[in-house]
N, C-alpha and C. Protein backbone atom coordinates (compact mmCIF):
# COMPACT_ATOMS: atom_id res chain seq x y z
N GLN A 1 102.59 133.28 78.18
CA GLN A 1 103.83 132.56 78.09
C GLN A 1 104.58 132.69 79.40
N GLU A 2 105.39 131.69 79.68
CA GLU A 2 106.14 131.64 80.93
C GLU A 2 107.64 131.73 80.66
N PRO A 3 108.37 132.46 81.48
CA PRO A 3 109.82 132.45 81.33
C PRO A 3 110.39 131.12 81.83
N GLU A 4 111.53 130.71 81.30
CA GLU A 4 112.14 129.45 81.75
C GLU A 4 112.59 129.57 83.21
N TRP A 5 113.21 130.69 83.56
CA TRP A 5 113.69 130.92 84.92
C TRP A 5 112.71 131.85 85.63
N PHE A 6 112.41 131.56 86.90
CA PHE A 6 111.45 132.37 87.64
C PHE A 6 111.78 132.35 89.11
N GLY A 7 110.94 133.00 89.92
CA GLY A 7 111.17 133.14 91.35
C GLY A 7 111.74 134.51 91.64
N HIS A 8 111.74 134.89 92.90
CA HIS A 8 112.19 136.24 93.26
C HIS A 8 113.62 136.53 92.84
N ASP A 9 114.45 135.48 92.77
CA ASP A 9 115.85 135.69 92.35
C ASP A 9 116.19 134.93 91.06
N CYS A 10 115.15 134.47 90.36
CA CYS A 10 115.30 133.74 89.09
C CYS A 10 116.14 132.48 89.25
N SER A 11 116.04 131.83 90.40
CA SER A 11 116.82 130.61 90.63
C SER A 11 116.02 129.34 90.34
N LEU A 12 114.73 129.48 90.09
CA LEU A 12 113.89 128.31 89.81
C LEU A 12 113.71 128.18 88.30
N ARG A 13 113.55 126.93 87.86
CA ARG A 13 113.48 126.67 86.42
C ARG A 13 112.26 125.81 86.09
N HIS A 14 111.48 126.25 85.11
CA HIS A 14 110.36 125.44 84.65
C HIS A 14 110.87 124.18 83.97
N CYS A 15 110.07 123.15 84.01
CA CYS A 15 110.38 121.89 83.34
C CYS A 15 109.89 121.95 81.90
N PRO A 16 110.32 120.99 81.08
CA PRO A 16 109.84 120.95 79.69
C PRO A 16 108.31 120.87 79.64
N THR A 17 107.74 121.51 78.66
CA THR A 17 106.29 121.56 78.50
C THR A 17 105.83 120.55 77.47
N GLY A 18 104.56 120.19 77.54
CA GLY A 18 104.00 119.27 76.56
C GLY A 18 102.51 119.09 76.76
N ASP A 19 101.89 118.51 75.76
CA ASP A 19 100.46 118.21 75.80
C ASP A 19 100.25 116.91 76.58
N ASP A 20 99.23 116.86 77.41
CA ASP A 20 98.91 115.67 78.20
C ASP A 20 98.52 114.52 77.28
N PRO A 21 99.25 113.40 77.30
CA PRO A 21 98.94 112.30 76.38
C PRO A 21 97.63 111.57 76.69
N ARG A 22 97.04 111.82 77.86
CA ARG A 22 95.78 111.15 78.22
C ARG A 22 94.55 111.91 77.74
N THR A 23 94.69 113.13 77.35
CA THR A 23 93.54 113.93 76.93
C THR A 23 93.62 114.19 75.43
N LEU A 24 93.26 113.21 74.66
CA LEU A 24 93.41 113.29 73.21
C LEU A 24 92.52 114.34 72.57
N SER A 25 91.39 114.66 73.20
CA SER A 25 90.46 115.62 72.60
C SER A 25 90.80 117.07 72.96
N LYS A 26 91.82 117.28 73.80
CA LYS A 26 92.17 118.63 74.23
C LYS A 26 93.68 118.81 74.20
N ASP A 27 94.12 119.94 73.70
CA ASP A 27 95.54 120.29 73.70
C ASP A 27 95.77 121.34 74.78
N GLU A 28 96.33 120.93 75.90
CA GLU A 28 96.55 121.85 77.02
C GLU A 28 97.53 122.96 76.70
N THR A 29 98.34 122.78 75.66
CA THR A 29 99.31 123.82 75.31
C THR A 29 98.70 124.91 74.44
N ASN A 30 97.47 124.73 74.00
CA ASN A 30 96.79 125.74 73.17
C ASN A 30 96.16 126.79 74.08
N CYS A 31 96.67 128.00 74.04
CA CYS A 31 96.17 129.07 74.91
C CYS A 31 95.17 130.00 74.24
N PHE A 32 94.68 129.64 73.06
CA PHE A 32 93.70 130.48 72.40
C PHE A 32 92.48 130.65 73.29
N ASN A 33 92.12 131.89 73.58
CA ASN A 33 90.97 132.27 74.40
C ASN A 33 91.11 131.90 75.88
N VAL A 34 92.29 131.55 76.34
CA VAL A 34 92.53 131.27 77.75
C VAL A 34 92.86 132.59 78.44
N THR A 35 92.20 132.85 79.57
CA THR A 35 92.44 134.08 80.32
C THR A 35 93.80 134.02 81.00
N ALA A 36 94.57 135.07 80.86
CA ALA A 36 95.91 135.14 81.44
C ALA A 36 95.83 135.22 82.96
N GLU A 37 96.93 134.81 83.61
CA GLU A 37 97.02 134.94 85.07
C GLU A 37 96.77 136.38 85.45
N GLY A 38 96.00 136.59 86.48
CA GLY A 38 95.65 137.94 86.91
C GLY A 38 94.40 138.48 86.24
N GLY A 39 93.90 137.73 85.23
CA GLY A 39 92.64 138.10 84.59
C GLY A 39 92.74 139.17 83.53
N PHE A 40 93.94 139.53 83.12
CA PHE A 40 94.10 140.57 82.12
C PHE A 40 94.50 139.98 80.78
N GLY A 41 93.61 140.02 79.83
CA GLY A 41 93.91 139.55 78.48
C GLY A 41 93.61 138.07 78.28
N THR A 42 93.45 137.70 77.03
CA THR A 42 93.24 136.30 76.66
C THR A 42 94.22 135.94 75.55
N GLY A 43 94.50 134.65 75.47
CA GLY A 43 95.44 134.16 74.47
C GLY A 43 94.89 134.30 73.06
N GLN A 44 95.76 134.67 72.16
CA GLN A 44 95.41 134.79 70.75
C GLN A 44 95.69 133.47 70.04
N ASN A 45 95.16 133.31 68.85
CA ASN A 45 95.39 132.11 68.07
C ASN A 45 96.90 131.91 67.89
N GLY A 46 97.39 130.72 68.21
CA GLY A 46 98.81 130.42 68.09
C GLY A 46 99.60 130.57 69.38
N ASN A 47 99.01 131.21 70.41
CA ASN A 47 99.70 131.33 71.70
C ASN A 47 99.77 129.97 72.38
N LEU A 48 100.89 129.70 73.04
CA LEU A 48 101.07 128.42 73.73
C LEU A 48 101.09 128.61 75.23
N CYS A 49 100.44 127.70 75.95
CA CYS A 49 100.49 127.66 77.41
C CYS A 49 101.62 126.74 77.84
N HIS A 50 102.23 127.04 78.95
CA HIS A 50 103.27 126.17 79.50
C HIS A 50 102.61 125.14 80.41
N VAL A 51 102.89 123.86 80.15
CA VAL A 51 102.34 122.76 80.95
C VAL A 51 103.51 121.91 81.43
N ASP A 52 103.98 122.17 82.65
CA ASP A 52 105.12 121.42 83.19
C ASP A 52 104.85 119.92 83.11
N CYS A 53 105.79 119.20 82.54
CA CYS A 53 105.79 117.74 82.52
C CYS A 53 104.52 117.15 81.93
N SER A 54 103.87 117.87 81.04
CA SER A 54 102.65 117.40 80.34
C SER A 54 101.54 116.97 81.31
N ASN A 55 101.56 117.50 82.52
CA ASN A 55 100.61 117.10 83.58
C ASN A 55 100.74 115.63 83.95
N ARG A 56 101.84 114.97 83.57
CA ARG A 56 102.03 113.54 83.85
C ARG A 56 103.33 113.28 84.58
N GLY A 57 103.76 114.25 85.35
CA GLY A 57 104.96 114.12 86.16
C GLY A 57 105.05 115.29 87.12
N GLN A 58 106.06 115.23 87.96
CA GLN A 58 106.27 116.30 88.94
C GLN A 58 107.56 117.03 88.57
N CYS A 59 107.48 118.34 88.54
CA CYS A 59 108.62 119.16 88.16
C CYS A 59 109.49 119.46 89.38
N ASN A 60 110.79 119.25 89.23
CA ASN A 60 111.76 119.69 90.22
C ASN A 60 112.21 121.07 89.76
N TYR A 61 111.72 122.10 90.40
CA TYR A 61 112.00 123.47 89.98
C TYR A 61 113.44 123.90 90.25
N PHE A 62 114.17 123.12 91.03
CA PHE A 62 115.58 123.44 91.26
C PHE A 62 116.45 122.97 90.09
N THR A 63 116.07 121.83 89.49
CA THR A 63 116.85 121.29 88.37
C THR A 63 116.20 121.53 87.01
N GLY A 64 114.88 121.78 87.01
CA GLY A 64 114.16 121.93 85.76
C GLY A 64 113.91 120.60 85.06
N GLN A 65 113.92 119.51 85.83
CA GLN A 65 113.71 118.18 85.26
C GLN A 65 112.45 117.55 85.82
N CYS A 66 111.77 116.78 84.97
CA CYS A 66 110.55 116.08 85.35
C CYS A 66 110.85 114.73 85.98
N LYS A 67 110.04 114.35 86.96
CA LYS A 67 110.01 112.98 87.47
C LYS A 67 108.65 112.44 87.04
N CYS A 68 108.66 111.61 86.02
CA CYS A 68 107.42 111.14 85.41
C CYS A 68 106.69 110.14 86.31
N PHE A 69 105.35 110.20 86.25
CA PHE A 69 104.54 109.21 86.93
C PHE A 69 104.71 107.85 86.24
N THR A 70 104.37 106.79 86.94
CA THR A 70 104.50 105.44 86.39
C THR A 70 103.77 105.32 85.06
N GLY A 71 104.47 104.81 84.07
CA GLY A 71 103.89 104.61 82.75
C GLY A 71 104.10 105.75 81.77
N TYR A 72 104.73 106.83 82.22
CA TYR A 72 105.00 107.98 81.36
C TYR A 72 106.50 108.20 81.31
N TYR A 73 106.98 108.66 80.17
CA TYR A 73 108.43 108.84 80.03
C TYR A 73 108.72 109.96 79.03
N GLY A 74 109.99 110.28 78.93
CA GLY A 74 110.44 111.38 78.07
C GLY A 74 110.81 112.58 78.92
N ASP A 75 111.54 113.53 78.32
CA ASP A 75 111.97 114.69 79.10
C ASP A 75 110.79 115.52 79.60
N ASN A 76 109.64 115.46 78.90
CA ASN A 76 108.45 116.20 79.34
C ASN A 76 107.31 115.27 79.77
N CYS A 77 107.60 113.98 79.94
CA CYS A 77 106.63 112.96 80.36
C CYS A 77 105.47 112.87 79.36
N GLY A 78 105.71 113.23 78.12
CA GLY A 78 104.66 113.27 77.11
C GLY A 78 104.45 111.97 76.36
N ALA A 79 105.23 110.94 76.68
CA ALA A 79 105.06 109.63 76.05
C ALA A 79 104.47 108.67 77.07
N MET A 80 103.66 107.73 76.59
CA MET A 80 102.91 106.84 77.47
C MET A 80 103.20 105.38 77.10
N SER A 81 103.42 104.56 78.13
CA SER A 81 103.61 103.14 77.91
C SER A 81 102.38 102.38 78.38
N ALA A 82 102.39 101.07 78.24
CA ALA A 82 101.27 100.23 78.67
C ALA A 82 101.07 100.26 80.18
N LEU A 83 102.07 100.72 80.93
CA LEU A 83 101.97 100.77 82.39
C LEU A 83 101.21 102.00 82.89
N ALA A 84 100.88 102.90 82.00
CA ALA A 84 100.20 104.14 82.39
C ALA A 84 98.82 103.85 82.96
N LYS A 85 98.48 104.57 84.03
CA LYS A 85 97.17 104.39 84.67
C LYS A 85 96.32 105.60 84.42
């Protein structure tokens, strides 16, 4: 799991998390059996991974807001329109 605020002085903020709407067969937020950063431990059933902007936008770590790629929208860029590529 990731803290909302991070950085050496905790001035940076993660963006909203979500599952990538383009990968229907995989839930990127499911951390079951995923090796933790640093290689120590694996996720247990029910653990969630943090995925900034659902992998469909760019996170502004100063504001904690997503700038969604064309065709994606929502606070976590987790919704897709017909314009999505």
